[in-house]
Amino acid sequence: MIVKKGDVITLASGIFESYNREGPFIAVHGFDIDAFVSERAHAGMTKLEVDDLLEDIPAMLIERGLIAELPCRRIYLGAMGEIDIKAEKCGH
């Protein structure tokens, strides 16, 4: 999957309690996310190692100057039949 320079993206992995979403980010340069991840994965990785790798991808992309974090406000509306509106900072 090609990410184009200027694209605003979030990166997510996992399911249920291990769901991880980071961002938003802006692509500073265009890049192939499939190739980036594939270059860091190897045959025989355990599921835990794959999960750890996927969780580390956003930081790796930032370190290499491919993406930059964007400031934002995440507004939580509530859950389980309760209204609980609050703002949360997103990004780092």
C-alpha atoms as a PDB file:
ATOM      1  CA  MET A   1       0.000   0.000   0.000  1.00  0.00           C
ATOM      2  CA  ILE A   2       1.461   3.309  -1.062  1.00  0.00           C
ATOM      3  CA  VAL A   3       1.265   6.247   1.338  1.00  0.00           C
ATOM      4  CA  LYS A   4       1.592   9.509  -0.565  1.00  0.00           C
ATOM      5  CA  LYS A   5       3.377  12.615   0.683  1.00  0.00           C
ATOM      6  CA  GLY A   6       0.778  14.757   2.433  1.00  0.00           C
ATOM      7  CA  ASP A   7      -1.567  11.871   3.295  1.00  0.00           C
ATOM      8  CA  VAL A   8      -3.054  12.120   6.787  1.00  0.00           C
ATOM      9  CA  ILE A   9      -3.154   8.642   8.319  1.00  0.00           C
ATOM     10  CA  THR A  10      -3.660   6.715  11.529  1.00  0.00           C
ATOM     11  CA  LEU A  11      -1.999   3.343  12.095  1.00  0.00           C
ATOM     12  CA  ALA A  12      -3.828   0.517  13.835  1.00  0.00           C
ATOM     13  CA  SER A  13      -3.156  -3.113  14.717  1.00  0.00           C
ATOM     14  CA  GLY A  14      -4.555  -5.801  16.987  1.00  0.00           C
ATOM     15  CA  ILE A  15      -8.083  -6.610  18.096  1.00  0.00           C
ATOM     16  CA  PHE A  16     -10.137  -6.357  21.260  1.00  0.00           C
ATOM     17  CA  GLU A  17      -8.024  -5.581  24.347  1.00  0.00           C
ATOM     18  CA  SER A  18      -4.795  -5.480  22.336  1.00  0.00           C
ATOM     19  CA  TYR A  19      -6.193  -2.976  19.795  1.00  0.00           C
ATOM     20  CA  ASN A  20      -3.683  -0.229  19.173  1.00  0.00           C
ATOM     21  CA  ARG A  21      -4.325   2.935  17.159  1.00  0.00           C
ATOM     22  CA  GLU A  22      -1.865   5.787  16.805  1.00  0.00           C
ATOM     23  CA  GLY A  23      -2.020   9.059  14.976  1.00  0.00           C
ATOM     24  CA  PRO A  24      -2.983  11.144  13.234  1.00  0.00           C
ATOM     25  CA  PHE A  25       0.200  11.471  11.252  1.00  0.00           C
ATOM     26  CA  ILE A  26       1.081  13.279   8.041  1.00  0.00           C
ATOM     27  CA  ALA A  27       3.295  11.581   5.483  1.00  0.00           C
ATOM     28  CA  VAL A  28       6.421  13.702   5.034  1.00  0.00           C
ATOM     29  CA  HIS A  29       7.558  11.495   2.132  1.00  0.00           C
ATOM     30  CA  GLY A  30       5.769   8.919   0.019  1.00  0.00           C
ATOM     31  CA  PHE A  31       6.542   5.301   0.927  1.00  0.00           C
ATOM     32  CA  ASP A  32       5.279   1.737   0.586  1.00  0.00           C
ATOM     33  CA  ILE A  33       4.003   0.627   4.003  1.00  0.00           C
ATOM     34  CA  ASP A  34       3.883  -3.041   2.923  1.00  0.00           C
ATOM     35  CA  ALA A  35       7.550  -2.964   1.948  1.00  0.00           C
ATOM     36  CA  PHE A  36       8.504  -1.099   5.128  1.00  0.00           C
ATOM     37  CA  VAL A  37       6.863  -3.718   7.362  1.00  0.00           C
ATOM     38  CA  SER A  38       8.057  -6.675   5.252  1.00  0.00           C
ATOM     39  CA  GLU A  39      11.683  -5.509   5.507  1.00  0.00           C
ATOM     40  CA  ARG A  40      11.433  -5.737   9.298  1.00  0.00           C
ATOM     41  CA  ALA A  41       9.537  -9.021   9.564  1.00  0.00           C
ATOM     42  CA  HIS A  42      11.158 -12.430   9.248  1.00  0.00           C
ATOM     43  CA  ALA A  43      10.018 -16.024   8.886  1.00  0.00           C
ATOM     44  CA  GLY A  44       9.481 -17.806  12.161  1.00  0.00           C
ATOM     45  CA  MET A  45       8.372 -14.751  14.149  1.00  0.00           C
ATOM     46  CA  THR A  46       6.057 -15.657  17.009  1.00  0.00           C
ATOM     47  CA  LYS A  47       2.645 -13.995  17.223  1.00  0.00           C
ATOM     48  CA  LEU A  48       3.915 -11.901  20.131  1.00  0.00           C
ATOM     49  CA  GLU A  49       6.936 -10.771  18.100  1.00  0.00           C
ATOM     50  CA  VAL A  50       4.647  -9.787  15.216  1.00  0.00           C
ATOM     51  CA  ASP A  51       2.380  -7.854  17.604  1.00  0.00           C
ATOM     52  CA  ASP A  52       5.410  -6.052  19.068  1.00  0.00           C
ATOM     53  CA  LEU A  53       6.716  -5.225  15.589  1.00  0.00           C
ATOM     54  CA  LEU A  54       3.375  -3.808  14.460  1.00  0.00           C
ATOM     55  CA  GLU A  55       3.106  -1.715  17.622  1.00  0.00           C
ATOM     56  CA  ASP A  56       6.598  -0.286  16.974  1.00  0.00           C
ATOM     57  CA  ILE A  57       5.994   0.645  13.310  1.00  0.00           C
ATOM     58  CA  PRO A  58       4.705   4.201  13.980  1.00  0.00           C
ATOM     59  CA  ALA A  59       7.824   5.088  16.005  1.00  0.00           C
ATOM     60  CA  MET A  60      10.063   3.567  13.324  1.00  0.00           C
ATOM     61  CA  LEU A  61       8.361   5.634  10.609  1.00  0.00           C
ATOM     62  CA  ILE A  62       8.776   8.805  12.691  1.00  0.00           C
ATOM     63  CA  GLU A  63      12.458   8.046  13.392  1.00  0.00           C
ATOM     64  CA  ARG A  64      13.114   7.648   9.664  1.00  0.00           C
ATOM     65  CA  GLY A  65      11.368  10.917   8.849  1.00  0.00           C
ATOM     66  CA  LEU A  66       8.621   9.283   6.802  1.00  0.00           C
ATOM     67  CA  ILE A  67       5.740  10.549   8.956  1.00  0.00           C
ATOM     68  CA  ALA A  68       5.229  13.316  11.526  1.00  0.00           C
ATOM     69  CA  GLU A  69       2.664  13.498  14.289  1.00  0.00           C
ATOM     70  CA  LEU A  70      -0.237  15.938  14.027  1.00  0.00           C
ATOM     71  CA  PRO A  71      -1.789  17.477  17.126  1.00  0.00           C
ATOM     72  CA  CYS A  72      -5.478  16.791  17.591  1.00  0.00           C
ATOM     73  CA  ARG A  73      -8.232  16.402  20.151  1.00  0.00           C
ATOM     74  CA  ARG A  74      -9.976  13.069  20.478  1.00  0.00           C
ATOM     75  CA  ILE A  75     -13.471  13.578  21.834  1.00  0.00           C
ATOM     76  CA  TYR A  76     -14.870  10.611  23.732  1.00  0.00           C
ATOM     77  CA  LEU A  77     -18.681  10.506  23.780  1.00  0.00           C
ATOM     78  CA  GLY A  78     -19.361   7.657  26.210  1.00  0.00           C
ATOM     79  CA  ALA A  79     -20.199   3.959  26.302  1.00  0.00           C
ATOM     80  CA  MET A  80     -22.454   1.315  27.811  1.00  0.00           C
ATOM     81  CA  GLY A  81     -25.539   3.555  27.644  1.00  0.00           C
ATOM     82  CA  GLU A  82     -23.836   6.434  29.485  1.00  0.00           C
ATOM     83  CA  ILE A  83     -22.987   9.864  28.097  1.00  0.00           C
ATOM     84  CA  ASP A  84     -19.489  10.813  29.259  1.00  0.00           C
ATOM     85  CA  ILE A  85     -18.151  13.560  27.001  1.00  0.00           C
ATOM     86  CA  LYS A  86     -14.500  14.412  27.484  1.00  0.00           C
ATOM     87  CA  ALA A  87     -11.574  15.483  25.353  1.00  0.00           C
ATOM     88  CA  GLU A  88      -8.431  13.410  25.192  1.00  0.00           C
ATOM     89  CA  LYS A  89      -5.152  14.429  23.610  1.00  0.00           C
ATOM     90  CA  CYS A  90      -4.099  12.259  20.704  1.00  0.00           C
ATOM     91  CA  GLY A  91      -0.660  12.095  19.209  1.00  0.00           C
ATOM     92  CA  HIS A  92       2.412  12.287  21.411  1.00  0.00           C
END
